[in-house]
Amino acid sequence: MSATTWRKRVFAGCILTALMGATPAAFTAAQEKAVPPDFSSNLVGWVGLNGAGPYFEADPGRQPGPVVSDPDHPLVPNGTDEQPTFRIADLTNPNLMPWAKEVMKKDIDEILAGKKSAFTAQSSCMPGGVPMFMAYGGPNPVVFLQTPKEVLLYFTGDQQIRHVYMNVPHSVNPKPSWYGESVGHYEGDTLVIDTIGLNDKTVADIYRTPHTDKLHVVERWRIVEGGQMMESVFTVDDPGTFYRPWTAMRRYRRARQEPLENICAENNNTFLFDYHIPVANKPDF
C-alpha cells in the first residue's frame, strides 16, 4: 500500500469516527428542540367516554387489569326504565389483598342493605386523587395548560387542579397529599407523568377500592385518531394493596366549549352525602 493511499484511508477513518461520535450529541440536541404535543390548542378540552360505563378499561395485552363490576350486580345507570343501582366491585379479583377485600365487602354489604350510598369523591366535592382523576372529564372537560416548567391538568367540573413539574426528579420524602407529587417529561408525542406521595384518603377507582400511601402511578397521555381523541394509559403500583401492578386505559374525546363556573363545597346537600359545608362560627364582615 502506498503512503498516499494509507494517508487517505486514515483521514477517511478519522472523519467517520468524528461523525459517529457526534451522532448521540446531535440526536440529544434534536430531542431537546423537539416540539412537545399540544394538548390545549384553541382552548380545547377533553371529555371522558363510556358515560356510566367502566371508566377504566383494560389495556389490551397487559395484565392484570383494573377492578371490574360484579356480574351478579350489574350497574343500572340513570335514564333507564329500571331502578338505578350503585357500582359493585367483583371481589373475586385475585390481585386484591385480603385486607382490601374485607374493607370493600363491608362497604358493599352496607350498600346492598340500603344503609349507605356509594357516591364518588366528585359527588361530595372531595379531591379525587390519582388515578381517580382519570375518571373525571364528563360532562365537564379536563383542560391541559402547558408551560416549559409545569403542566396543569384542570378538571373544570369543580376546579380540581393537578400540578405536574417538568424535567425534575421527585423529592426525597414528599409529604403525602391528596394529589401527591407529580413530575413529568415528554417522550415524543406522549406526556409521561410519574406520581408518588399520595395519601390514603382517596380511593383508586369508581368501585371504591382502597389503597395505601405506597401508591405509585405512571400515566402516558397522548392524542390519537387524528387529534380527535385523547388516551391515557396508566399503571398503578401499590405493594400494600395489590399483589401486582395493574394497567388500565381511559379515553377522551376532543371538545370545545366555554368553561362553566361550577361552585362545589363538601356536602351541598346534607341528605345525600357524608360531609358538611364548612360554616363559620361568626361572620367575618
Protein backbone atom coordinates (compact mmCIF):
# COMPACT_ATOMS: atom_id res chain seq x y z
CA MET A 1 0.00 0.00 0.00
CA SER A 2 1.41 3.38 -0.96
CA ALA A 3 1.93 6.11 1.61
CA THR A 4 -0.62 8.27 -0.21
CA THR A 5 -3.30 5.55 -0.11
CA TRP A 6 -2.61 4.90 3.60
CA ARG A 7 -2.98 8.60 4.46
CA LYS A 8 -6.29 8.79 2.56
CA ARG A 9 -7.71 5.81 4.47
CA VAL A 10 -6.59 7.18 7.84
CA PHE A 11 -8.15 10.57 7.01
CA ALA A 12 -11.43 8.95 5.95
CA GLY A 13 -11.46 6.85 9.12
CA CYS A 14 -10.97 9.93 11.29
CA ILE A 15 -13.89 11.68 9.60
CA LEU A 16 -16.13 8.63 10.11
CA THR A 17 -15.13 8.33 13.78
CA ALA A 18 -15.84 12.02 14.36
CA LEU A 19 -19.26 11.73 12.74
CA MET A 20 -20.10 8.66 14.79
CA GLY A 21 -19.04 10.45 17.97
CA ALA A 22 -21.15 13.47 17.12
CA THR A 23 -24.32 11.46 16.39
CA PRO A 24 -25.52 10.93 20.01
CA ALA A 25 -24.97 14.60 20.86
CA ALA A 26 -26.79 15.71 17.73
CA PHE A 27 -29.63 13.29 18.48
CA THR A 28 -29.94 14.57 22.07
CA ALA A 29 -29.98 18.17 20.85
CA ALA A 30 -32.69 17.29 18.34
CA GLN A 31 -34.74 15.69 21.11
CA GLU A 32 -34.41 18.78 23.31
CA LYS A 33 -35.56 21.01 20.46
CA ALA A 34 -38.48 18.75 19.51
CA VAL A 35 -41.84 20.46 19.79
CA PRO A 36 -43.95 18.80 22.54
CA PRO A 37 -47.52 17.70 21.78
CA ASP A 38 -50.10 20.45 22.13
CA PHE A 39 -52.93 19.16 24.31
CA SER A 40 -54.69 22.51 24.66
CA SER A 41 -54.68 24.06 21.19
CA ASN A 42 -57.55 26.51 20.69
CA LEU A 43 -58.60 26.06 24.33
CA VAL A 44 -59.71 22.52 23.62
CA GLY A 45 -60.86 20.27 26.47
CA TRP A 46 -61.20 16.51 26.75
CA VAL A 47 -64.42 14.77 27.78
CA GLY A 48 -64.27 11.18 29.01
CA LEU A 49 -66.01 8.41 27.11
CA ASN A 50 -68.13 5.48 28.34
CA GLY A 51 -70.82 7.52 30.09
CA ALA A 52 -71.90 5.34 33.00
CA GLY A 53 -69.63 2.54 31.77
CA PRO A 54 -66.44 1.12 33.25
CA TYR A 55 -64.40 4.34 33.02
CA PHE A 56 -61.16 2.39 33.42
CA GLU A 57 -60.78 -0.05 30.56
CA ALA A 58 -58.29 -2.89 30.43
CA ASP A 59 -55.29 -2.11 28.24
CA PRO A 60 -55.28 -4.88 25.60
CA GLY A 61 -52.42 -7.31 26.08
CA ARG A 62 -51.47 -6.07 29.56
CA GLN A 63 -52.46 -7.95 32.67
CA PRO A 64 -53.61 -7.65 35.35
CA GLY A 65 -56.23 -5.05 34.62
CA PRO A 66 -58.39 -2.84 36.85
CA VAL A 67 -61.13 -3.89 39.25
CA VAL A 68 -64.34 -4.58 37.32
CA SER A 69 -68.06 -4.82 38.03
CA ASP A 70 -69.57 -7.79 39.84
CA PRO A 71 -71.55 -9.74 37.20
CA ASP A 72 -74.14 -10.61 39.87
CA HIS A 73 -74.77 -6.89 40.49
CA PRO A 74 -74.52 -5.11 37.13
CA LEU A 75 -74.73 -1.34 37.06
CA VAL A 76 -78.07 0.18 36.09
CA PRO A 77 -77.39 3.83 35.20
CA ASN A 78 -79.74 6.77 35.41
CA GLY A 79 -82.00 7.47 32.46
CA THR A 80 -83.46 3.99 32.03
CA ASP A 81 -86.82 2.45 32.93
CA GLU A 82 -85.15 0.43 35.69
CA GLN A 83 -84.20 1.44 39.20
CA PRO A 84 -80.61 2.84 39.09
CA THR A 85 -78.02 0.98 41.10
CA PHE A 86 -74.58 1.71 42.51
CA ARG A 87 -71.33 0.25 41.21
CA ILE A 88 -70.42 -3.01 42.95
CA ALA A 89 -66.91 -4.45 42.62
CA ASP A 90 -66.09 -8.03 41.67
CA LEU A 91 -64.24 -9.22 44.77
CA THR A 92 -63.06 -12.42 43.09
CA ASN A 93 -60.24 -10.28 41.64
CA PRO A 94 -57.08 -12.27 42.58
CA ASN A 95 -54.91 -9.15 42.57
CA LEU A 96 -56.58 -7.63 45.64
CA MET A 97 -55.02 -8.32 49.03
CA PRO A 98 -57.31 -9.72 51.77
CA TRP A 99 -57.48 -6.52 53.83
CA ALA A 100 -58.69 -4.55 50.80
CA LYS A 101 -61.35 -7.16 50.03
CA GLU A 102 -62.55 -7.01 53.64
CA VAL A 103 -62.90 -3.22 53.51
CA MET A 104 -64.73 -3.41 50.18
CA LYS A 105 -67.03 -6.25 51.28
CA LYS A 106 -68.12 -4.31 54.37
CA ASP A 107 -68.82 -1.30 52.14
CA ILE A 108 -70.71 -3.39 49.58
CA ASP A 109 -72.82 -5.19 52.24
CA GLU A 110 -73.95 -1.85 53.67
CA ILE A 111 -74.79 -0.50 50.22
CA LEU A 112 -76.79 -3.57 49.21
CA ALA A 113 -78.63 -3.42 52.55
CA GLY A 114 -79.59 0.20 51.86
CA LYS A 115 -77.63 1.52 54.86
CA LYS A 116 -75.42 3.87 52.85
CA SER A 117 -74.89 5.33 49.39
CA ALA A 118 -71.96 4.82 47.06
CA PHE A 119 -71.30 8.30 45.73
CA THR A 120 -67.90 9.13 44.31
CA ALA A 121 -65.49 11.68 45.73
CA GLN A 122 -66.57 14.06 42.97
CA SER A 123 -70.18 13.79 44.14
CA SER A 124 -69.11 15.08 47.55
CA CYS A 125 -66.70 17.67 46.11
CA MET A 126 -63.74 15.82 47.61
CA PRO A 127 -60.37 15.66 45.81
CA GLY A 128 -60.24 12.60 43.61
CA GLY A 129 -56.57 11.78 43.88
CA VAL A 130 -54.68 9.66 41.36
CA PRO A 131 -55.62 7.55 39.42
CA MET A 132 -59.22 8.52 40.23
CA PHE A 133 -58.63 11.86 38.47
CA MET A 134 -58.73 9.93 35.19
CA ALA A 135 -62.36 9.04 35.87
CA TYR A 136 -63.20 12.75 35.63
CA GLY A 137 -63.88 14.57 32.40
CA GLY A 138 -67.59 14.18 31.87
CA PRO A 139 -69.69 16.09 31.13
CA ASN A 140 -67.23 18.83 32.13
CA PRO A 141 -63.91 18.53 30.29
CA VAL A 142 -60.36 18.22 31.52
CA VAL A 143 -58.14 21.02 30.19
CA PHE A 144 -54.33 20.99 29.86
CA LEU A 145 -52.30 24.13 30.49
CA GLN A 146 -48.74 23.57 29.29
CA THR A 147 -45.63 25.61 30.11
CA PRO A 148 -41.97 24.60 29.81
CA LYS A 149 -41.63 24.06 33.57
CA GLU A 150 -45.11 22.90 34.56
CA VAL A 151 -48.21 21.26 33.14
CA LEU A 152 -51.57 21.79 34.86
CA LEU A 153 -54.42 19.33 34.46
CA TYR A 154 -57.59 21.26 35.22
CA PHE A 155 -60.92 19.49 35.75
CA THR A 156 -63.49 22.16 35.02
CA GLY A 157 -66.27 20.37 36.91
CA ASP A 158 -65.27 21.71 40.31
CA GLN A 159 -61.91 23.34 39.58
CA GLN A 160 -59.72 20.47 40.72
CA ILE A 161 -56.14 21.02 39.55
CA ARG A 162 -53.12 18.78 39.31
CA HIS A 163 -49.60 20.25 39.08
CA VAL A 164 -47.01 18.34 37.06
CA TYR A 165 -43.45 19.65 37.37
CA MET A 166 -41.46 19.03 34.21
CA ASN A 167 -37.99 17.54 33.85
CA VAL A 168 -37.19 17.42 37.55
CA PRO A 169 -36.70 14.47 39.93
CA HIS A 170 -39.02 13.55 42.76
CA SER A 171 -38.39 14.94 46.22
CA VAL A 172 -36.59 12.57 48.58
CA ASN A 173 -39.53 12.28 51.01
CA PRO A 174 -42.61 14.08 49.69
CA LYS A 175 -45.27 14.75 52.29
CA PRO A 176 -48.41 12.70 51.45
CA SER A 177 -51.20 14.81 49.95
CA TRP A 178 -54.46 14.42 48.02
CA TYR A 179 -52.80 14.63 44.59
CA GLY A 180 -49.29 13.66 45.62
CA GLU A 181 -46.17 14.85 43.85
CA SER A 182 -46.25 14.58 40.06
CA VAL A 183 -43.21 15.01 37.82
CA GLY A 184 -43.29 14.68 34.06
CA HIS A 185 -41.46 14.69 30.76
CA TYR A 186 -42.26 14.28 27.08
CA GLU A 187 -41.38 11.19 25.09
CA GLY A 188 -42.12 12.17 21.50
CA ASP A 189 -45.89 12.65 21.27
CA THR A 190 -46.50 11.39 24.81
CA LEU A 191 -46.67 13.21 28.15
CA VAL A 192 -45.38 10.86 30.87
CA ILE A 193 -46.46 11.66 34.45
CA ASP A 194 -45.00 9.91 37.49
CA THR A 195 -46.86 10.42 40.79
CA ILE A 196 -45.91 9.42 44.33
CA GLY A 197 -46.58 10.91 47.78
CA LEU A 198 -50.32 10.22 47.72
CA ASN A 199 -52.22 9.98 50.98
CA ASP A 200 -54.59 7.09 51.70
CA LYS A 201 -57.74 9.23 51.99
CA THR A 202 -58.84 8.65 48.39
CA VAL A 203 -59.90 5.52 46.51
CA ALA A 204 -58.23 4.02 43.45
CA ASP A 205 -61.30 3.72 41.21
CA ILE A 206 -65.06 4.09 40.90
CA TYR A 207 -65.51 0.80 42.79
CA ARG A 208 -64.13 2.48 45.92
CA THR A 209 -61.01 0.31 46.04
CA PRO A 210 -58.81 1.47 48.94
CA HIS A 211 -55.06 1.96 48.75
CA THR A 212 -52.08 2.77 50.95
CA ASP A 213 -49.66 5.69 50.87
CA LYS A 214 -47.26 3.46 48.92
CA LEU A 215 -49.34 4.11 45.81
CA HIS A 216 -47.27 4.93 42.70
CA VAL A 217 -48.95 5.84 39.40
CA VAL A 218 -47.35 6.34 35.98
CA GLU A 219 -49.52 7.84 33.22
CA ARG A 220 -48.86 8.15 29.50
CA TRP A 221 -51.10 10.75 27.78
CA ARG A 222 -51.21 11.15 24.00
CA ILE A 223 -53.51 12.41 21.26
CA VAL A 224 -54.79 9.73 18.87
CA GLU A 225 -57.15 9.29 15.92
CA GLY A 226 -56.06 12.36 14.02
CA GLY A 227 -56.34 14.69 17.00
CA GLN A 228 -59.94 13.85 17.85
CA MET A 229 -59.24 11.60 20.81
CA MET A 230 -57.04 11.62 23.90
CA GLU A 231 -55.78 8.42 25.51
CA SER A 232 -54.30 7.88 28.97
CA VAL A 233 -52.68 4.51 29.65
CA PHE A 234 -51.62 4.25 33.28
CA THR A 235 -50.01 1.72 35.61
CA VAL A 236 -50.90 1.55 39.30
CA ASP A 237 -48.40 0.04 41.73
CA ASP A 238 -49.26 -0.29 45.43
CA PRO A 239 -47.47 -3.20 47.11
CA GLY A 240 -49.63 -2.62 50.19
CA THR A 241 -52.91 -3.30 48.34
CA PHE A 242 -52.25 -5.19 45.08
CA TYR A 243 -50.11 -8.27 44.54
CA ARG A 244 -49.00 -6.97 41.15
CA PRO A 245 -49.08 -3.56 39.41
CA TRP A 246 -52.13 -3.21 37.17
CA THR A 247 -52.63 -1.25 33.97
CA ALA A 248 -55.74 0.45 32.63
CA MET A 249 -56.76 2.96 29.99
CA ARG A 250 -59.12 5.94 29.83
CA ARG A 251 -60.19 7.58 26.56
CA TYR A 252 -61.50 11.11 25.96
CA ARG A 253 -62.99 12.97 23.02
CA ARG A 254 -61.97 16.46 21.93
CA ALA A 255 -64.47 19.14 22.97
CA ARG A 256 -64.59 22.90 22.55
CA GLN A 257 -66.89 24.61 24.99
CA GLU A 258 -66.88 27.61 27.23
CA PRO A 259 -65.79 26.69 30.77
CA LEU A 260 -68.70 26.82 33.19
CA GLU A 261 -68.38 28.20 36.70
CA ASN A 262 -69.15 25.29 38.97
CA ILE A 263 -69.21 26.05 42.68
CA CYS A 264 -68.73 22.94 44.78
CA ALA A 265 -68.48 22.54 48.56
CA GLU A 266 -68.41 19.37 50.61
CA ASN A 267 -71.95 18.15 51.14
CA ASN A 268 -74.01 20.74 49.34
CA ASN A 269 -76.98 18.55 50.24
CA THR A 270 -76.79 17.10 53.75
CA PHE A 271 -79.43 14.48 53.00
CA LEU A 272 -77.26 12.73 50.40
CA PHE A 273 -73.63 12.89 51.38
CA ASP A 274 -71.40 12.24 54.34
CA TYR A 275 -69.66 15.61 54.55
CA HIS A 276 -70.75 19.09 55.50
CA ILE A 277 -70.31 22.55 54.09
CA PRO A 278 -67.93 24.47 56.38
CA VAL A 279 -69.83 27.05 58.46
CA ALA A 280 -68.12 29.95 60.24
CA ASN A 281 -68.80 30.38 63.94
CA LYS A 282 -69.23 34.12 63.44
CA PRO A 283 -69.48 36.48 60.46
CA ASP A 284 -66.17 37.74 59.09
CA PHE A 285 -67.60 41.03 57.81
